[in-house]
Structures are given as structure tokens and as C-alpha cells.
Amino acid sequence: MEKTPTQIVSELGSRLLQLSRPNKDSLVKLLREVANTLSQIDQPSATNKEKGLKLLEAELRPLKKSIIKHGLLKNRDNDVSLLVTVCVSELFRILAPNRPFEDEYLRV
């Protein structure tokens, strides 16, 4: 059975979370794949929006944790920073009106 985009993002987030000291190449490769996959995820339908958002948040949690754990929101590399920005903006789009991160993590 083919995996859904949310399952793929969850697995990629878990892989990223397990890296102890990710180098630029591994980060760029994983983040590019995450960004492409996130663009395929739609918001839940209006009829089950609250339940759908909770399920999405659970599946996207490994990615959010890895972004925080590795300090990717503050990464100084241009390629990594761009891909993290794309991923975070996709998370905002998917999880709206909920916030994917607390304010403390978004302040630079």
C-alpha cells in the first residue's frame, strides 16, 4: 500500500530527528524532500476540521520537533534557511488557523 504524504513527512521528520549532527548535504536533501511532500498535503475538510487538524498535528510532530531540536529556524546557511522557511510556511498553511510552533521558537 502506498504511503500518504503525511506518513512520508512523519517518517522524514523522524529520520531528521535521529540525526545527531546533520551536515548541510543531508539537511538539504531531507528538507527538499519534506518541502516537496508538504506541498501535496491539503487542509482537512471543513466538516471534520478539528479532528483532522489533530491527526495532522500528530503526524507532523516529528518534523516540528526536529526543526526545533536542530535549531533549524536559526540556521545561517542560505540553502538550509530557505528550505526551512518553505517547510515552516507549508506547516502554517496546512495547520491554519492553528500555529505549528509556539512564539518562543519563531522569534529570531
N, C-alpha and C. Protein backbone atom coordinates (compact mmCIF):
# COMPACT_ATOMS: atom_id res chain seq x y z
N MET A 1 0.83 -1.18 0.00
CA MET A 1 0.00 0.00 0.00
C MET A 1 0.88 1.25 0.00
N GLU A 2 0.52 2.21 -0.80
CA GLU A 2 1.31 3.43 -0.92
C GLU A 2 1.09 4.33 0.29
N LYS A 3 2.16 4.97 0.73
CA LYS A 3 2.08 5.83 1.90
C LYS A 3 1.49 7.19 1.53
N THR A 4 0.78 7.77 2.48
CA THR A 4 0.23 9.11 2.27
C THR A 4 1.34 10.14 2.45
N PRO A 5 1.15 11.34 1.91
CA PRO A 5 2.17 12.38 2.11
C PRO A 5 2.43 12.68 3.59
N THR A 6 1.40 12.64 4.43
CA THR A 6 1.62 12.91 5.85
C THR A 6 2.46 11.82 6.50
N GLN A 7 2.27 10.58 6.08
CA GLN A 7 3.10 9.49 6.60
C GLN A 7 4.55 9.65 6.17
N ILE A 8 4.74 10.07 4.93
CA ILE A 8 6.10 10.28 4.41
C ILE A 8 6.78 11.40 5.19
N VAL A 9 6.07 12.51 5.41
CA VAL A 9 6.64 13.63 6.17
C VAL A 9 6.96 13.20 7.59
N SER A 10 6.09 12.39 8.18
CA SER A 10 6.33 11.90 9.54
C SER A 10 7.61 11.07 9.59
N GLU A 11 7.79 10.19 8.61
CA GLU A 11 9.00 9.36 8.56
C GLU A 11 10.25 10.21 8.32
N LEU A 12 10.16 11.18 7.41
CA LEU A 12 11.30 12.05 7.14
C LEU A 12 11.64 12.88 8.38
N GLY A 13 10.62 13.36 9.08
CA GLY A 13 10.85 14.10 10.31
C GLY A 13 11.53 13.24 11.36
N SER A 14 11.11 11.98 11.45
CA SER A 14 11.73 11.05 12.41
C SER A 14 13.19 10.79 12.05
N ARG A 15 13.46 10.63 10.74
CA ARG A 15 14.85 10.43 10.30
C ARG A 15 15.71 11.64 10.64
N LEU A 16 15.17 12.81 10.41
CA LEU A 16 15.89 14.04 10.72
C LEU A 16 16.10 14.18 12.23
N LEU A 17 15.12 13.78 13.00
CA LEU A 17 15.20 13.86 14.46
C LEU A 17 16.29 12.94 15.00
N GLN A 18 16.53 11.81 14.33
CA GLN A 18 17.52 10.84 14.79
C GLN A 18 18.96 11.24 14.47
N LEU A 19 19.14 12.16 13.55
CA LEU A 19 20.50 12.60 13.20
C LEU A 19 21.08 13.37 14.38
N SER A 20 22.28 12.97 14.79
CA SER A 20 22.88 13.65 15.94
C SER A 20 23.51 14.98 15.54
N ARG A 21 24.23 14.99 14.44
CA ARG A 21 24.86 16.22 13.94
C ARG A 21 24.71 16.25 12.42
N PRO A 22 23.56 16.67 11.94
CA PRO A 22 23.35 16.63 10.49
C PRO A 22 24.24 17.63 9.76
N ASN A 23 24.83 17.16 8.66
CA ASN A 23 25.64 18.08 7.85
C ASN A 23 24.73 18.77 6.83
N LYS A 24 25.28 19.75 6.15
CA LYS A 24 24.48 20.55 5.22
C LYS A 24 23.85 19.69 4.14
N ASP A 25 24.62 18.78 3.54
CA ASP A 25 24.10 17.97 2.44
C ASP A 25 22.93 17.10 2.87
N SER A 26 23.04 16.46 4.03
CA SER A 26 21.93 15.61 4.49
C SER A 26 20.72 16.46 4.84
N LEU A 27 20.94 17.64 5.43
CA LEU A 27 19.83 18.54 5.74
C LEU A 27 19.12 19.00 4.48
N VAL A 28 19.88 19.44 3.50
CA VAL A 28 19.29 19.94 2.26
C VAL A 28 18.50 18.84 1.57
N LYS A 29 19.06 17.65 1.51
CA LYS A 29 18.38 16.53 0.85
C LYS A 29 17.06 16.21 1.55
N LEU A 30 17.09 16.06 2.88
CA LEU A 30 15.88 15.74 3.63
C LEU A 30 14.86 16.88 3.57
N LEU A 31 15.32 18.10 3.76
CA LEU A 31 14.39 19.23 3.76
C LEU A 31 13.76 19.46 2.39
N ARG A 32 14.51 19.21 1.33
CA ARG A 32 13.93 19.34 -0.02
C ARG A 32 12.81 18.32 -0.21
N GLU A 33 13.06 17.10 0.24
CA GLU A 33 12.03 16.06 0.14
C GLU A 33 10.82 16.40 1.01
N VAL A 34 11.07 16.92 2.20
CA VAL A 34 9.97 17.31 3.09
C VAL A 34 9.15 18.44 2.45
N ALA A 35 9.82 19.45 1.92
CA ALA A 35 9.12 20.59 1.32
C ALA A 35 8.26 20.14 0.15
N ASN A 36 8.80 19.27 -0.69
CA ASN A 36 8.02 18.76 -1.83
C ASN A 36 6.81 17.97 -1.37
N THR A 37 6.98 17.17 -0.33
CA THR A 37 5.88 16.35 0.16
C THR A 37 4.84 17.19 0.89
N LEU A 38 5.28 18.18 1.67
CA LEU A 38 4.33 19.05 2.37
C LEU A 38 3.41 19.77 1.38
N SER A 39 3.93 20.11 0.21
CA SER A 39 3.11 20.82 -0.77
C SER A 39 1.96 19.97 -1.29
N GLN A 40 2.02 18.66 -1.06
CA GLN A 40 0.97 17.75 -1.51
C GLN A 40 -0.13 17.55 -0.47
N ILE A 41 0.06 18.09 0.73
CA ILE A 41 -0.89 17.89 1.82
C ILE A 41 -1.89 19.05 1.83
N ASP A 42 -3.17 18.69 1.86
CA ASP A 42 -4.23 19.69 1.93
C ASP A 42 -4.71 19.84 3.36
N GLN A 43 -5.38 20.96 3.62
CA GLN A 43 -6.02 21.14 4.92
C GLN A 43 -7.18 20.16 5.02
N PRO A 44 -7.54 19.76 6.24
CA PRO A 44 -8.70 18.88 6.40
C PRO A 44 -9.98 19.58 5.95
N SER A 45 -10.95 18.78 5.55
CA SER A 45 -12.22 19.35 5.10
C SER A 45 -12.92 20.07 6.25
N ALA A 46 -13.80 20.98 5.92
CA ALA A 46 -14.48 21.80 6.93
C ALA A 46 -15.36 20.97 7.86
N THR A 47 -15.87 19.84 7.37
CA THR A 47 -16.78 19.04 8.20
C THR A 47 -16.06 18.40 9.38
N ASN A 48 -14.84 17.97 9.20
CA ASN A 48 -14.06 17.33 10.28
C ASN A 48 -12.78 18.10 10.57
N LYS A 49 -12.83 19.41 10.45
CA LYS A 49 -11.61 20.21 10.53
C LYS A 49 -10.85 20.01 11.85
N GLU A 50 -11.55 20.08 12.98
CA GLU A 50 -10.86 19.99 14.28
C GLU A 50 -10.21 18.62 14.46
N LYS A 51 -10.94 17.57 14.14
CA LYS A 51 -10.39 16.21 14.26
C LYS A 51 -9.25 16.01 13.27
N GLY A 52 -9.44 16.50 12.05
CA GLY A 52 -8.42 16.38 11.02
C GLY A 52 -7.14 17.12 11.39
N LEU A 53 -7.29 18.30 11.99
CA LEU A 53 -6.11 19.06 12.41
C LEU A 53 -5.35 18.34 13.50
N LYS A 54 -6.06 17.71 14.42
CA LYS A 54 -5.39 16.96 15.49
C LYS A 54 -4.59 15.79 14.92
N LEU A 55 -5.17 15.09 13.94
CA LEU A 55 -4.46 13.98 13.30
C LEU A 55 -3.24 14.49 12.54
N LEU A 56 -3.41 15.57 11.81
CA LEU A 56 -2.29 16.15 11.06
C LEU A 56 -1.18 16.60 12.01
N GLU A 57 -1.55 17.26 13.10
CA GLU A 57 -0.55 17.72 14.06
C GLU A 57 0.25 16.55 14.62
N ALA A 58 -0.43 15.44 14.88
CA ALA A 58 0.26 14.25 15.41
C ALA A 58 1.25 13.70 14.39
N GLU A 59 0.85 13.66 13.12
CA GLU A 59 1.74 13.11 12.09
C GLU A 59 2.88 14.07 11.75
N LEU A 60 2.67 15.35 11.94
CA LEU A 60 3.71 16.34 11.62
C LEU A 60 4.62 16.64 12.82
N ARG A 61 4.29 16.11 13.98
CA ARG A 61 5.07 16.38 15.21
C ARG A 61 6.56 16.03 15.08
N PRO A 62 6.94 14.87 14.49
CA PRO A 62 8.38 14.58 14.37
C PRO A 62 9.13 15.65 13.57
N LEU A 63 8.52 16.17 12.53
CA LEU A 63 9.16 17.22 11.74
C LEU A 63 9.31 18.49 12.58
N LYS A 64 8.27 18.87 13.27
CA LYS A 64 8.33 20.08 14.11
C LYS A 64 9.40 19.93 15.19
N LYS A 65 9.46 18.76 15.82
CA LYS A 65 10.46 18.52 16.86
C LYS A 65 11.88 18.60 16.29
N SER A 66 12.08 18.05 15.10
CA SER A 66 13.42 18.05 14.51
C SER A 66 13.85 19.46 14.13
N ILE A 67 12.92 20.28 13.67
CA ILE A 67 13.24 21.67 13.33
C ILE A 67 13.70 22.41 14.59
N ILE A 68 13.02 22.15 15.70
CA ILE A 68 13.38 22.80 16.96
C ILE A 68 14.68 22.21 17.52
N LYS A 69 14.79 20.88 17.54
CA LYS A 69 15.95 20.21 18.13
C LYS A 69 17.26 20.67 17.49
N HIS A 70 17.27 20.74 16.18
CA HIS A 70 18.49 21.09 15.46
C HIS A 70 18.66 22.60 15.26
N GLY A 71 17.75 23.39 15.82
CA GLY A 71 17.86 24.84 15.69
C GLY A 71 17.79 25.31 14.25
N LEU A 72 17.00 24.63 13.44
CA LEU A 72 16.98 24.93 12.01
C LEU A 72 16.36 26.29 11.69
N LEU A 73 15.53 26.81 12.59
CA LEU A 73 14.95 28.13 12.35
C LEU A 73 16.01 29.23 12.41
N LYS A 74 17.14 28.93 13.02
CA LYS A 74 18.22 29.92 13.16
C LYS A 74 19.46 29.53 12.37
N ASN A 75 19.35 28.54 11.49
CA ASN A 75 20.49 28.09 10.71
C ASN A 75 20.96 29.21 9.78
N ARG A 76 22.25 29.40 9.69
CA ARG A 76 22.81 30.51 8.91
C ARG A 76 23.08 30.17 7.45
N ASP A 77 23.04 28.90 7.10
CA ASP A 77 23.28 28.51 5.71
C ASP A 77 22.08 28.92 4.85
N ASN A 78 22.34 29.55 3.72
CA ASN A 78 21.26 30.06 2.87
C ASN A 78 20.35 28.95 2.35
N ASP A 79 20.93 27.84 1.89
CA ASP A 79 20.11 26.75 1.35
C ASP A 79 19.23 26.13 2.42
N VAL A 80 19.82 25.85 3.57
CA VAL A 80 19.07 25.26 4.67
C VAL A 80 17.99 26.23 5.15
N SER A 81 18.36 27.49 5.30
CA SER A 81 17.41 28.50 5.76
C SER A 81 16.22 28.64 4.81
N LEU A 82 16.49 28.64 3.52
CA LEU A 82 15.41 28.74 2.53
C LEU A 82 14.47 27.55 2.63
N LEU A 83 15.03 26.34 2.70
CA LEU A 83 14.19 25.14 2.76
C LEU A 83 13.41 25.06 4.07
N VAL A 84 14.00 25.49 5.16
CA VAL A 84 13.28 25.51 6.44
C VAL A 84 12.13 26.51 6.36
N THR A 85 12.38 27.65 5.74
CA THR A 85 11.32 28.65 5.58
C THR A 85 10.17 28.11 4.75
N VAL A 86 10.48 27.39 3.68
CA VAL A 86 9.44 26.78 2.86
C VAL A 86 8.65 25.76 3.68
N CYS A 87 9.35 24.92 4.43
CA CYS A 87 8.68 23.90 5.25
C CYS A 87 7.79 24.54 6.31
N VAL A 88 8.29 25.56 6.98
CA VAL A 88 7.51 26.23 8.03
C VAL A 88 6.29 26.92 7.43
N SER A 89 6.45 27.56 6.28
CA SER A 89 5.30 28.22 5.66
C SER A 89 4.25 27.19 5.23
N GLU A 90 4.70 26.03 4.77
CA GLU A 90 3.76 24.95 4.44
C GLU A 90 3.05 24.45 5.70
N LEU A 91 3.78 24.34 6.81
CA LEU A 91 3.14 23.93 8.07
C LEU A 91 2.08 24.93 8.49
N PHE A 92 2.37 26.22 8.35
CA PHE A 92 1.37 27.24 8.66
C PHE A 92 0.14 27.08 7.77
N ARG A 93 0.36 26.84 6.48
CA ARG A 93 -0.75 26.69 5.55
C ARG A 93 -1.61 25.48 5.91
N ILE A 94 -0.97 24.37 6.18
CA ILE A 94 -1.69 23.12 6.44
C ILE A 94 -2.46 23.18 7.76
N LEU A 95 -1.84 23.74 8.79
CA LEU A 95 -2.42 23.69 10.13
C LEU A 95 -3.25 24.93 10.48
N ALA A 96 -3.39 25.88 9.57
CA ALA A 96 -4.17 27.09 9.85
C ALA A 96 -5.59 26.71 10.24
N PRO A 97 -6.16 27.33 11.21
CA PRO A 97 -5.74 28.53 11.91
C PRO A 97 -4.83 28.26 13.11
N ASN A 98 -4.50 27.02 13.38
CA ASN A 98 -3.60 26.69 14.49
C ASN A 98 -2.17 27.05 14.11
N ARG A 99 -1.37 27.35 15.12
CA ARG A 99 0.05 27.66 14.89
C ARG A 99 0.86 26.39 15.01
N PRO A 100 1.81 26.17 14.09
CA PRO A 100 2.63 24.96 14.19
C PRO A 100 3.69 25.05 15.29
N PHE A 101 4.08 26.26 15.67
CA PHE A 101 5.13 26.46 16.67
C PHE A 101 4.68 27.52 17.67
N GLU A 102 5.21 27.42 18.87
CA GLU A 102 4.99 28.46 19.88
C GLU A 102 5.82 29.69 19.50
N ASP A 103 5.40 30.84 19.98
CA ASP A 103 6.09 32.09 19.65
C ASP A 103 7.57 32.07 20.00
N GLU A 104 7.92 31.42 21.10
CA GLU A 104 9.32 31.42 21.55
C GLU A 104 10.26 30.81 20.51
N TYR A 105 9.76 29.88 19.69
CA TYR A 105 10.61 29.25 18.68
C TYR A 105 10.68 30.07 17.40
N LEU A 106 9.70 30.92 17.17
CA LEU A 106 9.66 31.68 15.93
C LEU A 106 10.41 33.00 16.02
N ARG A 107 10.69 33.45 17.21
CA ARG A 107 11.43 34.71 17.37
C ARG A 107 12.91 34.46 17.10
N VAL A 108 13.46 35.31 16.28
CA VAL A 108 14.87 35.15 15.91
C VAL A 108 15.72 36.18 16.61
